[in-house]
Amino acid sequence: MEFERKTNVKKNVNSIDKVIRILLAIVLGVLIFTSQVTGVFAIVLGILAVVLVLTSFLSFCPIYALLNISTLKKSGKA
């Protein structure tokens, strides 16, 4: 709620999506730190892992916003 108020951005990532993003970032981190991937590919995967973690903590995904997607449940208020 605080993030929404300060930036005027609507949250669009639910808790299951957040967990999946964090787990994927951990897997990417393990691949990088165990030298399973190296070079430019490792840098790209590292950046992707950081983006996944940030979007998880912010509950906002810019790609979802561009595509008008939200994994949050719609409120039942009519």
C-alpha atoms as a PDB file:
ATOM      1  CA  MET A   1       0.000   0.000   0.000  1.00  0.00           C
ATOM      2  CA  GLU A   2       2.848   2.372   0.836  1.00  0.00           C
ATOM      3  CA  PHE A   3       4.544   1.704  -2.524  1.00  0.00           C
ATOM      4  CA  GLU A   4       1.269   2.404  -4.356  1.00  0.00           C
ATOM      5  CA  ARG A   5       0.741   5.659  -2.506  1.00  0.00           C
ATOM      6  CA  LYS A   6       4.238   7.015  -3.176  1.00  0.00           C
ATOM      7  CA  THR A   7       4.572   6.026  -6.832  1.00  0.00           C
ATOM      8  CA  ASN A   8       0.985   5.913  -8.040  1.00  0.00           C
ATOM      9  CA  VAL A   9       1.626   2.402  -9.383  1.00  0.00           C
ATOM     10  CA  LYS A  10      -0.885  -0.407  -9.020  1.00  0.00           C
ATOM     11  CA  LYS A  11       0.399  -3.722  -7.721  1.00  0.00           C
ATOM     12  CA  ASN A  12      -0.030  -6.533 -10.224  1.00  0.00           C
ATOM     13  CA  VAL A  13       1.908  -9.498  -8.751  1.00  0.00           C
ATOM     14  CA  ASN A  14       0.303 -11.912  -6.285  1.00  0.00           C
ATOM     15  CA  SER A  15       2.030 -13.931  -3.573  1.00  0.00           C
ATOM     16  CA  ILE A  16       2.331 -17.151  -5.609  1.00  0.00           C
ATOM     17  CA  ASP A  17       3.910 -15.186  -8.451  1.00  0.00           C
ATOM     18  CA  LYS A  18       6.315 -13.610  -5.932  1.00  0.00           C
ATOM     19  CA  VAL A  19       7.413 -17.013  -4.595  1.00  0.00           C
ATOM     20  CA  ILE A  20       7.982 -18.336  -8.120  1.00  0.00           C
ATOM     21  CA  ARG A  21      10.066 -15.258  -8.994  1.00  0.00           C
ATOM     22  CA  ILE A  22      12.190 -15.611  -5.841  1.00  0.00           C
ATOM     23  CA  LEU A  23      12.742 -19.337  -6.414  1.00  0.00           C
ATOM     24  CA  LEU A  24      13.716 -18.739 -10.036  1.00  0.00           C
ATOM     25  CA  ALA A  25      16.147 -16.000  -8.955  1.00  0.00           C
ATOM     26  CA  ILE A  26      17.701 -18.409  -6.436  1.00  0.00           C
ATOM     27  CA  VAL A  27      18.115 -21.086  -9.119  1.00  0.00           C
ATOM     28  CA  LEU A  28      19.754 -18.550 -11.444  1.00  0.00           C
ATOM     29  CA  GLY A  29      22.040 -17.411  -8.635  1.00  0.00           C
ATOM     30  CA  VAL A  30      23.094 -20.991  -7.892  1.00  0.00           C
ATOM     31  CA  LEU A  31      23.836 -21.589 -11.582  1.00  0.00           C
ATOM     32  CA  ILE A  32      26.013 -18.490 -11.675  1.00  0.00           C
ATOM     33  CA  PHE A  33      27.876 -19.060  -8.397  1.00  0.00           C
ATOM     34  CA  THR A  34      28.594 -22.717  -9.183  1.00  0.00           C
ATOM     35  CA  SER A  35      30.000 -21.683 -12.588  1.00  0.00           C
ATOM     36  CA  GLN A  36      27.426 -23.715 -14.495  1.00  0.00           C
ATOM     37  CA  VAL A  37      26.990 -20.634 -16.689  1.00  0.00           C
ATOM     38  CA  THR A  38      29.746 -18.145 -17.383  1.00  0.00           C
ATOM     39  CA  GLY A  39      30.572 -15.091 -19.436  1.00  0.00           C
ATOM     40  CA  VAL A  40      27.970 -12.819 -20.949  1.00  0.00           C
ATOM     41  CA  PHE A  41      25.224 -15.386 -20.401  1.00  0.00           C
ATOM     42  CA  ALA A  42      25.955 -15.371 -16.664  1.00  0.00           C
ATOM     43  CA  ILE A  43      25.760 -11.570 -16.591  1.00  0.00           C
ATOM     44  CA  VAL A  44      22.406 -11.617 -18.402  1.00  0.00           C
ATOM     45  CA  LEU A  45      21.049 -14.268 -16.021  1.00  0.00           C
ATOM     46  CA  GLY A  46      22.348 -12.274 -13.044  1.00  0.00           C
ATOM     47  CA  ILE A  47      20.530  -9.155 -14.226  1.00  0.00           C
ATOM     48  CA  LEU A  48      17.379 -11.224 -14.774  1.00  0.00           C
ATOM     49  CA  ALA A  49      17.659 -12.623 -11.240  1.00  0.00           C
ATOM     50  CA  VAL A  50      17.963  -9.109  -9.779  1.00  0.00           C
ATOM     51  CA  VAL A  51      14.932  -7.942 -11.786  1.00  0.00           C
ATOM     52  CA  LEU A  52      12.920 -10.940 -10.586  1.00  0.00           C
ATOM     53  CA  VAL A  53      13.761 -10.173  -6.959  1.00  0.00           C
ATOM     54  CA  LEU A  54      12.957  -6.459  -7.341  1.00  0.00           C
ATOM     55  CA  THR A  55       9.616  -7.071  -9.041  1.00  0.00           C
ATOM     56  CA  SER A  56       8.786  -9.588  -6.340  1.00  0.00           C
ATOM     57  CA  PHE A  57       9.510  -7.172  -3.490  1.00  0.00           C
ATOM     58  CA  LEU A  58       7.723  -4.279  -5.203  1.00  0.00           C
ATOM     59  CA  SER A  59       4.719  -6.444  -6.206  1.00  0.00           C
ATOM     60  CA  PHE A  60       4.865  -4.698  -9.559  1.00  0.00           C
ATOM     61  CA  CYS A  61       5.953  -6.043 -12.932  1.00  0.00           C
ATOM     62  CA  PRO A  62       6.349  -3.442 -15.707  1.00  0.00           C
ATOM     63  CA  ILE A  63       5.834  -6.079 -18.406  1.00  0.00           C
ATOM     64  CA  TYR A  64       2.536  -7.086 -16.790  1.00  0.00           C
ATOM     65  CA  ALA A  65       1.552  -3.399 -16.745  1.00  0.00           C
ATOM     66  CA  LEU A  66       2.356  -2.987 -20.458  1.00  0.00           C
ATOM     67  CA  LEU A  67       0.304  -6.072 -21.305  1.00  0.00           C
ATOM     68  CA  ASN A  68      -2.478  -5.105 -18.850  1.00  0.00           C
ATOM     69  CA  ILE A  69      -2.011  -8.352 -16.887  1.00  0.00           C
ATOM     70  CA  SER A  70      -2.458  -8.832 -13.169  1.00  0.00           C
ATOM     71  CA  THR A  71      -2.089 -12.005 -11.131  1.00  0.00           C
ATOM     72  CA  LEU A  72      -3.949 -10.412  -8.228  1.00  0.00           C
ATOM     73  CA  LYS A  73      -7.439 -11.654  -7.541  1.00  0.00           C
ATOM     74  CA  LYS A  74     -10.225  -9.299  -8.499  1.00  0.00           C
ATOM     75  CA  SER A  75     -12.118  -7.965  -5.507  1.00  0.00           C
ATOM     76  CA  GLY A  76     -15.684  -9.195  -5.201  1.00  0.00           C
ATOM     77  CA  LYS A  77     -17.027  -5.690  -4.595  1.00  0.00           C
ATOM     78  CA  ALA A  78     -19.645  -4.586  -7.108  1.00  0.00           C
END
